[in-house]
Amino acid sequence: MTVAPERRGRIGELVPYFLRLGVLGFGGPVALVGQMERELVGERGWLSKDQMREAIAICQSLPGPLAIQVGVYISYLRGGFWGAWVGGWAFILPNFLIVAGLGALYVRLGDLQPVTAIFYGVSPAVIALIVHSCYRLAKLGMEDWLQWGIAAACLLVTVILQAEVALLFIGAGILGILYYGNILRRPPPSATLLGAAPLAVPAAAPLAPAASPAILSKLLLFFLKAGSLTFGSGLVIVPFLERGLVEQYGWLDQRQFLIAVAIGMISPGPVVITATFVGYLVAGFWGSLASTIGIFLPSFILVLVAAPVLARHRANPYVQGFVKGAYAAAIGTILGACILLGRVAIGDWLTIGIGLVSLAILFRWKVSNPLLIAATAVVGLIAFPLLNPAWVMIK
């Protein structure tokens, strides 16, 4: 299959961009999506604001990690089918190498106490990054009272149930179809959500067991299920992983699972890269590879199936209504997940201060995510041995 020269050139642009984002993109899914919106819409002009809204809403409506799905979707718009595969795996590769390396270090040393200290300082800054990015995304796509009402309802449901409910997105999309699709009200003004721009198609860790075919198969199937059935971002996939890894299979104890989550939070890229760390603890390098493929493969398949359908029907008012409703649900559920995650990340006066100062810096000076993460990591490394907060990694 030959690729047109223009499309090949665009694929060539995708690789360095997403490799760089995979190395330097801190802060979880919302921060990563916010960074893509800022760089690819505002600075590079790879896609319009309407296309970015569309990407976020559609990807949030699909199961799997949000940041990777948006990256795959944008790569599809920019480079077609093969661009999606190349850009998506370029995004994942740096995260995989970094976290697999940390997994190897943890298995060999049996203790990563500095990770706890870094977790202590970085986690409140991650919460600030999520809040700031949600603000940017709300400015991008929240337009009226119904969207804000949907967002508020989804936030409450997420916090009360302490989990993300997949039916929220479907229900919000149906409500959007009814309201914006000219069923419950008169046709809206000519402006549309989907832009007129054309859419291109520390207990010591045990040594990792041998990577037997049976273990690798179980890891692959477990993470395929996680990537296929869990809606939303890595921030809310954590309860699903905890039930399976700790309670169902007993591959990790609670302490090791919390360390795995911390690794996912403090490493660049999507939070679900936790899967790579878990896979290494369970079955070494091949376990990390099987887990990584399992957690991310459904995102590629779902996005590549949904994107061509959306391209054909983007002007349909019912599609536009579904997108607007699902987008509002995304904002609400991510903020709800932020509150849940904040219960783990913030537990004393210093972490409250780190969170508030980080938020003020992000709104006032637009500091880069890696710089903020590095600064708060240093604060954690200094303050943790002095304060010795017992609540960290326990709550």
Protein backbone atom coordinates (compact mmCIF):
# COMPACT_ATOMS: atom_id res chain seq x y z
CA MET A 1 0.00 0.00 0.00
CA THR A 2 1.56 3.31 -1.06
CA VAL A 3 1.20 6.49 0.97
CA ALA A 4 0.89 9.90 -0.68
CA PRO A 5 3.95 12.16 -0.24
CA GLU A 6 1.94 14.77 1.69
CA ARG A 7 0.58 12.11 4.04
CA ARG A 8 4.09 10.64 4.52
CA GLY A 9 5.34 14.11 5.44
CA ARG A 10 2.61 14.48 8.02
CA ILE A 11 3.41 11.07 9.50
CA GLY A 12 7.02 12.24 9.74
CA GLU A 13 5.83 15.21 11.82
CA LEU A 14 3.80 13.01 14.15
CA VAL A 15 6.68 10.83 15.33
CA PRO A 16 8.94 13.52 16.86
CA TYR A 17 5.98 15.40 18.33
CA PHE A 18 4.48 12.40 20.12
CA LEU A 19 7.88 11.05 21.19
CA ARG A 20 8.51 14.44 22.79
CA LEU A 21 5.05 14.49 24.39
CA GLY A 22 5.63 10.97 25.73
CA VAL A 23 8.86 12.11 27.41
CA LEU A 24 7.77 15.53 28.71
CA GLY A 25 3.99 15.20 29.07
CA PHE A 26 3.26 15.17 32.80
CA GLY A 27 0.05 15.62 34.74
CA GLY A 28 -2.29 12.86 33.61
CA PRO A 29 -4.86 12.71 30.82
CA VAL A 30 -6.51 16.10 31.19
CA ALA A 31 -3.17 17.89 31.41
CA LEU A 32 -1.92 15.99 28.35
CA VAL A 33 -5.07 16.80 26.38
CA GLY A 34 -4.76 20.42 27.44
CA GLN A 35 -1.16 20.46 26.25
CA MET A 36 -2.17 18.98 22.88
CA GLU A 37 -4.92 21.57 22.56
CA ARG A 38 -2.51 24.39 23.33
CA GLU A 39 0.26 23.20 21.01
CA LEU A 40 -1.58 21.63 18.09
CA VAL A 41 -4.50 24.08 17.86
CA GLY A 42 -2.96 27.30 19.11
CA GLU A 43 0.67 26.97 18.04
CA ARG A 44 0.95 24.53 15.12
CA GLY A 45 -2.53 24.81 13.61
CA TRP A 46 -2.77 21.07 12.88
CA LEU A 47 -6.49 21.11 13.62
CA SER A 48 -9.26 23.57 14.44
CA LYS A 49 -10.85 24.22 17.83
CA ASP A 50 -13.98 22.45 16.66
CA GLN A 51 -12.00 19.39 15.62
CA MET A 52 -10.30 19.38 19.03
CA ARG A 53 -13.67 19.55 20.81
CA GLU A 54 -14.84 16.69 18.66
CA ALA A 55 -11.75 14.62 19.44
CA ILE A 56 -12.13 15.08 23.20
CA ALA A 57 -15.86 14.37 23.30
CA ILE A 58 -15.74 11.31 21.07
CA CYS A 59 -12.69 9.82 22.80
CA GLN A 60 -14.17 10.44 26.25
CA SER A 61 -17.27 8.58 25.10
CA LEU A 62 -15.18 5.49 24.28
CA PRO A 63 -13.68 3.11 26.83
CA GLY A 64 -9.96 3.42 27.44
CA PRO A 65 -7.37 6.07 28.39
CA LEU A 66 -8.36 9.54 27.19
CA ALA A 67 -4.93 11.01 26.38
CA ILE A 68 -3.85 8.13 24.15
CA GLN A 69 -7.18 8.08 22.36
CA VAL A 70 -7.03 11.81 21.63
CA GLY A 71 -3.45 11.37 20.41
CA VAL A 72 -4.48 8.50 18.12
CA TYR A 73 -7.47 10.48 16.85
CA ILE A 74 -5.37 13.56 16.08
CA SER A 75 -2.79 11.33 14.37
CA TYR A 76 -5.60 9.84 12.29
CA LEU A 77 -6.74 13.31 11.22
CA ARG A 78 -3.18 14.28 10.37
CA GLY A 79 -1.79 11.09 8.88
CA GLY A 80 -4.66 8.69 8.18
CA PHE A 81 -4.76 5.04 9.24
CA TRP A 82 -1.00 4.49 9.41
CA GLY A 83 -0.47 7.89 10.99
CA ALA A 84 -2.75 6.81 13.83
CA TRP A 85 -0.68 3.69 14.52
CA VAL A 86 2.66 5.47 14.22
CA GLY A 87 1.69 8.52 16.26
CA GLY A 88 -0.06 6.48 18.95
CA TRP A 89 2.79 4.05 19.56
CA ALA A 90 5.33 6.90 19.42
CA PHE A 91 3.34 8.48 22.25
CA ILE A 92 3.42 5.26 24.28
CA LEU A 93 7.04 4.14 23.67
CA PRO A 94 8.88 6.60 25.99
CA ASN A 95 6.44 5.88 28.82
CA PHE A 96 6.90 2.15 28.34
CA LEU A 97 10.70 2.35 28.46
CA ILE A 98 10.75 4.64 31.51
CA VAL A 99 8.23 2.66 33.56
CA ALA A 100 9.62 -0.75 32.59
CA GLY A 101 13.01 0.53 33.75
CA LEU A 102 11.51 1.62 37.07
CA GLY A 103 9.87 -1.78 37.38
CA ALA A 104 13.23 -3.49 36.88
CA LEU A 105 14.79 -1.20 39.48
CA TYR A 106 12.02 -1.93 41.97
CA VAL A 107 12.26 -5.69 41.50
CA ARG A 108 16.04 -5.66 41.99
CA LEU A 109 16.25 -3.25 44.92
CA GLY A 110 13.02 -4.28 46.62
CA ASP A 111 12.43 -0.72 47.90
CA LEU A 112 11.88 2.61 46.24
CA GLN A 113 11.51 4.84 49.26
CA PRO A 114 12.37 7.98 47.24
CA VAL A 115 9.29 7.25 45.12
CA THR A 116 7.14 7.79 48.21
CA ALA A 117 8.79 11.14 48.84
CA ILE A 118 8.38 12.18 45.21
CA PHE A 119 4.77 11.01 45.30
CA TYR A 120 4.23 13.21 48.37
CA GLY A 121 5.39 16.37 46.60
CA VAL A 122 4.19 15.70 43.06
CA SER A 123 0.67 14.45 43.70
CA PRO A 124 -0.83 17.81 44.79
CA ALA A 125 0.73 19.43 41.73
CA VAL A 126 -0.88 16.75 39.56
CA ILE A 127 -4.26 17.68 41.06
CA ALA A 128 -3.56 21.33 40.21
CA LEU A 129 -2.63 20.37 36.64
CA ILE A 130 -5.91 18.48 36.26
CA VAL A 131 -7.98 21.39 37.59
CA HIS A 132 -6.19 23.90 35.36
CA SER A 133 -6.56 21.70 32.29
CA CYS A 134 -10.25 21.14 33.05
CA TYR A 135 -10.67 24.92 33.13
CA ARG A 136 -9.08 25.18 29.68
CA LEU A 137 -11.22 22.37 28.30
CA ALA A 138 -14.37 23.90 29.78
CA LYS A 139 -13.57 27.18 28.03
CA LEU A 140 -13.08 25.24 24.81
CA GLY A 141 -16.37 23.36 24.72
CA MET A 142 -18.88 24.29 27.47
CA GLU A 143 -21.44 26.63 25.96
CA ASP A 144 -24.79 26.63 27.80
CA TRP A 145 -26.75 25.72 30.91
CA LEU A 146 -27.52 22.17 29.83
CA GLN A 147 -23.86 21.25 29.42
CA TRP A 148 -23.06 22.69 32.85
CA GLY A 149 -26.00 20.79 34.34
CA ILE A 150 -24.80 17.53 32.80
CA ALA A 151 -21.28 18.20 34.09
CA ALA A 152 -22.53 18.89 37.63
CA ALA A 153 -24.66 15.75 37.68
CA CYS A 154 -21.79 13.57 36.42
CA LEU A 155 -19.44 15.08 38.99
CA LEU A 156 -21.85 14.21 41.82
CA VAL A 157 -22.43 10.66 40.58
CA THR A 158 -18.69 10.04 40.19
CA VAL A 159 -17.92 11.29 43.72
CA ILE A 160 -20.84 9.51 45.38
CA LEU A 161 -20.24 6.15 43.69
CA GLN A 162 -16.44 6.62 43.77
CA ALA A 163 -16.23 5.27 40.26
CA GLU A 164 -16.88 6.37 36.72
CA VAL A 165 -20.16 5.05 35.33
CA ALA A 166 -20.05 4.25 31.62
CA LEU A 167 -23.78 4.84 31.23
CA LEU A 168 -23.25 8.49 32.19
CA PHE A 169 -21.65 9.19 28.83
CA ILE A 170 -24.30 7.35 26.88
CA GLY A 171 -27.08 9.06 28.85
CA ALA A 172 -25.49 12.48 28.43
CA GLY A 173 -25.07 11.87 24.71
CA ILE A 174 -28.73 10.86 24.36
CA LEU A 175 -29.80 13.96 26.26
CA GLY A 176 -27.61 15.99 23.90
CA ILE A 177 -29.31 14.36 20.90
CA LEU A 178 -32.74 15.21 22.28
CA TYR A 179 -31.88 18.81 23.12
CA TYR A 180 -29.43 19.86 20.44
CA GLY A 181 -30.76 17.56 17.71
CA ASN A 182 -33.92 19.63 17.19
CA ILE A 183 -36.20 17.20 19.01
CA LEU A 184 -36.84 19.10 22.25
CA ARG A 185 -36.24 22.59 20.91
CA ARG A 186 -36.06 24.59 17.74
CA PRO A 187 -32.95 24.38 15.58
CA PRO A 188 -29.99 26.28 17.06
CA PRO A 189 -28.14 29.01 15.16
CA SER A 190 -26.06 27.96 12.21
CA ALA A 191 -22.89 27.61 14.27
CA THR A 192 -22.07 23.95 14.85
CA LEU A 193 -19.91 22.11 17.30
CA LEU A 194 -18.18 20.05 14.65
CA GLY A 195 -16.36 22.65 12.60
CA ALA A 196 -16.84 23.19 8.93
CA ALA A 197 -13.16 22.46 8.37
CA PRO A 198 -12.82 19.20 6.41
CA LEU A 199 -12.00 16.14 8.48
CA ALA A 200 -9.19 14.03 7.15
CA VAL A 201 -9.84 10.60 7.17
CA PRO A 202 7.66 -0.46 51.63
CA ALA A 203 7.66 -4.07 52.00
CA ALA A 204 10.27 -5.55 49.79
CA ALA A 205 8.87 -6.49 46.42
CA PRO A 206 9.23 -10.13 45.46
CA LEU A 207 11.29 -10.97 42.44
CA ALA A 208 9.23 -11.08 39.27
CA PRO A 209 8.15 -14.67 38.51
CA ALA A 210 9.01 -16.39 35.28
CA ALA A 211 7.07 -15.12 32.29
CA SER A 212 5.12 -18.31 31.65
CA PRO A 213 2.65 -18.37 28.75
CA ALA A 214 -0.21 -18.78 31.23
CA ILE A 215 0.74 -15.66 33.21
CA LEU A 216 1.34 -13.62 30.07
CA SER A 217 -2.04 -14.66 28.67
CA LYS A 218 -3.79 -13.69 31.90
CA LEU A 219 -2.03 -10.30 31.96
CA LEU A 220 -2.87 -9.62 28.32
CA LEU A 221 -6.53 -10.59 28.74
CA PHE A 222 -6.92 -8.67 32.00
CA PHE A 223 -5.55 -5.44 30.56
CA LEU A 224 -7.43 -5.91 27.28
CA LYS A 225 -10.57 -6.03 29.41
CA ALA A 226 -9.48 -2.97 31.39
CA GLY A 227 -8.81 -1.03 28.21
CA SER A 228 -12.05 -2.16 26.59
CA LEU A 229 -14.58 -1.85 29.41
CA THR A 230 -13.40 1.05 31.58
CA PHE A 231 -14.60 4.43 30.37
CA GLY A 232 -12.58 7.58 30.75
CA SER A 233 -9.10 8.39 31.87
CA GLY A 234 -6.45 6.59 33.85
CA LEU A 235 -7.54 8.63 36.85
CA VAL A 236 -10.70 6.56 37.16
CA ILE A 237 -9.45 3.23 35.86
CA VAL A 238 -7.58 2.73 39.15
CA PRO A 239 -10.50 1.17 41.13
CA PHE A 240 -11.02 -1.41 38.39
CA LEU A 241 -7.33 -2.29 38.41
CA GLU A 242 -7.22 -2.52 42.19
CA ARG A 243 -10.09 -5.01 42.31
CA GLY A 244 -8.50 -7.23 39.69
CA LEU A 245 -4.84 -7.04 40.64
CA VAL A 246 -5.17 -7.14 44.43
CA GLU A 247 -8.49 -8.85 45.18
CA GLN A 248 -9.15 -11.13 42.21
CA TYR A 249 -5.72 -12.39 41.12
CA GLY A 250 -3.60 -11.48 44.16
CA TRP A 251 -0.69 -10.46 41.92
CA LEU A 252 0.10 -7.44 44.12
CA ASP A 253 -0.55 -6.45 47.71
CA GLN A 254 -2.10 -3.08 48.56
CA ARG A 255 1.25 -1.42 49.15
CA GLN A 256 2.69 -2.54 45.83
CA PHE A 257 -0.45 -1.44 44.02
CA LEU A 258 -0.24 2.06 45.52
CA ILE A 259 3.40 2.28 44.47
CA ALA A 260 2.36 1.23 40.95
CA VAL A 261 -0.23 4.02 40.91
CA ALA A 262 2.40 6.47 42.15
CA ILE A 263 4.71 5.43 39.31
CA GLY A 264 1.91 6.06 36.83
CA MET A 265 1.30 9.50 38.31
CA ILE A 266 4.88 10.73 38.47
CA SER A 267 6.00 9.38 35.11
CA PRO A 268 5.27 11.25 31.88
CA GLY A 269 2.45 10.17 29.64
CA PRO A 270 -0.91 8.58 30.52
CA VAL A 271 -1.57 7.37 34.06
CA VAL A 272 -2.55 3.90 32.81
CA ILE A 273 1.12 3.30 32.07
CA THR A 274 0.76 1.83 35.57
CA ALA A 275 -0.03 -1.35 33.62
CA THR A 276 3.58 -1.55 32.45
CA PHE A 277 4.89 -1.40 36.02
CA VAL A 278 2.38 -4.00 37.19
CA GLY A 279 3.29 -6.29 34.32
CA TYR A 280 6.98 -6.08 35.20
CA LEU A 281 6.32 -6.94 38.85
CA VAL A 282 4.20 -9.94 37.85
CA ALA A 283 6.22 -11.38 34.95
CA GLY A 284 9.29 -9.30 34.15
CA PHE A 285 9.89 -7.56 30.82
CA TRP A 286 7.54 -9.76 28.80
CA GLY A 287 4.85 -9.19 31.39
CA SER A 288 5.30 -5.43 31.04
CA LEU A 289 5.06 -5.72 27.25
CA ALA A 290 1.91 -7.87 27.38
CA SER A 291 0.26 -5.50 29.86
CA THR A 292 1.13 -2.42 27.82
CA ILE A 293 -0.24 -3.90 24.60
CA GLY A 294 -3.36 -5.03 26.44
CA ILE A 295 -4.19 -1.68 28.00
CA PHE A 296 -3.63 0.39 24.83
CA LEU A 297 -4.64 -1.84 21.90
CA PRO A 298 -8.41 -1.34 22.36
CA SER A 299 -7.94 2.43 22.08
CA PHE A 300 -6.43 2.11 18.62
CA ILE A 301 -9.18 -0.20 17.40
CA LEU A 302 -12.03 1.86 18.86
CA VAL A 303 -10.71 5.19 17.58
CA LEU A 304 -9.99 3.85 14.10
CA VAL A 305 -13.49 2.41 13.90
CA ALA A 306 -15.21 5.52 15.27
CA ALA A 307 -13.24 8.16 13.35
CA PRO A 308 -14.28 7.20 9.79
CA VAL A 309 -17.94 6.91 10.88
CA LEU A 310 -17.76 10.31 12.49
CA ALA A 311 -16.12 11.79 9.40
CA ARG A 312 -19.08 10.71 7.28
CA HIS A 313 -21.73 11.97 9.68
CA ARG A 314 -20.11 14.98 11.35
CA ALA A 315 -22.73 17.45 10.05
CA ASN A 316 -25.66 15.45 11.42
CA PRO A 317 -27.34 17.45 14.23
CA TYR A 318 -27.86 14.26 16.24
CA VAL A 319 -24.14 13.48 16.10
CA GLN A 320 -23.39 17.04 17.14
CA GLY A 321 -25.86 16.76 20.01
CA PHE A 322 -24.31 13.51 21.23
CA VAL A 323 -20.85 15.07 21.13
CA LYS A 324 -21.93 18.11 23.14
CA GLY A 325 -23.65 15.99 25.78
CA ALA A 326 -20.72 13.57 26.07
CA TYR A 327 -18.24 16.45 26.26
CA ALA A 328 -20.09 17.89 29.25
CA ALA A 329 -20.12 14.47 30.91
CA ALA A 330 -16.37 14.26 30.37
CA ILE A 331 -15.76 17.54 32.20
CA GLY A 332 -17.91 16.46 35.14
CA THR A 333 -16.50 12.96 35.54
CA ILE A 334 -12.89 14.10 35.29
CA LEU A 335 -13.48 16.73 37.99
CA GLY A 336 -15.15 14.05 40.09
CA ALA A 337 -12.16 11.77 39.61
CA CYS A 338 -9.94 14.71 40.57
CA ILE A 339 -11.78 14.97 43.90
CA LEU A 340 -11.38 11.22 44.51
CA LEU A 341 -7.70 11.34 43.63
CA GLY A 342 -7.25 14.38 45.86
CA ARG A 343 -8.17 12.26 48.86
CA VAL A 344 -5.03 10.23 48.23
CA ALA A 345 -2.81 13.10 47.13
CA ILE A 346 -3.61 15.72 49.79
CA GLY A 347 -3.51 15.00 53.50
CA ASP A 348 -1.69 17.75 55.41
CA TRP A 349 -0.84 21.45 55.38
CA LEU A 350 2.14 21.09 53.04
CA THR A 351 0.29 19.18 50.32
CA ILE A 352 -2.57 21.70 50.53
CA GLY A 353 -0.02 24.48 50.08
CA ILE A 354 1.70 22.72 47.17
CA GLY A 355 -1.64 22.27 45.42
CA LEU A 356 -2.75 25.88 45.87
CA VAL A 357 0.61 27.38 44.91
CA SER A 358 0.84 25.11 41.85
CA LEU A 359 -2.64 26.17 40.75
CA ALA A 360 -1.78 29.85 41.20
CA ILE A 361 1.43 29.44 39.19
CA LEU A 362 -0.39 27.66 36.36
CA PHE A 363 -3.01 30.40 36.08
CA ARG A 364 -0.59 33.28 36.48
CA TRP A 365 2.60 32.27 34.65
CA LYS A 366 1.74 29.22 32.52
CA VAL A 367 4.77 27.29 33.74
CA SER A 368 5.59 24.13 31.77
CA ASN A 369 4.37 20.86 33.25
CA PRO A 370 7.83 19.20 33.50
CA LEU A 371 9.24 22.21 35.38
CA LEU A 372 6.36 22.18 37.86
CA ILE A 373 6.67 18.41 38.37
CA ALA A 374 10.43 18.67 38.88
CA ALA A 375 10.09 21.49 41.43
CA THR A 376 7.44 19.72 43.48
CA ALA A 377 9.40 16.46 43.33
CA VAL A 378 12.34 18.26 44.95
CA VAL A 379 10.00 19.66 47.62
CA GLY A 380 8.77 16.14 48.32
CA LEU A 381 12.27 14.69 48.55
CA ILE A 382 13.28 17.38 51.06
CA ALA A 383 10.11 17.55 53.13
CA PHE A 384 9.15 13.88 53.39
CA PRO A 385 12.03 12.71 55.61
CA LEU A 386 11.58 15.82 57.80
CA LEU A 387 7.80 15.53 58.26
CA ASN A 388 7.51 11.76 57.85
CA PRO A 389 3.75 11.91 57.11
CA ALA A 390 2.26 8.55 58.01
CA TRP A 391 -0.80 9.00 55.77
CA VAL A 392 1.15 8.92 52.49
CA MET A 393 0.60 5.72 50.51
CA ILE A 394 -1.74 4.44 53.23
CA LYS A 395 -5.06 6.23 52.66
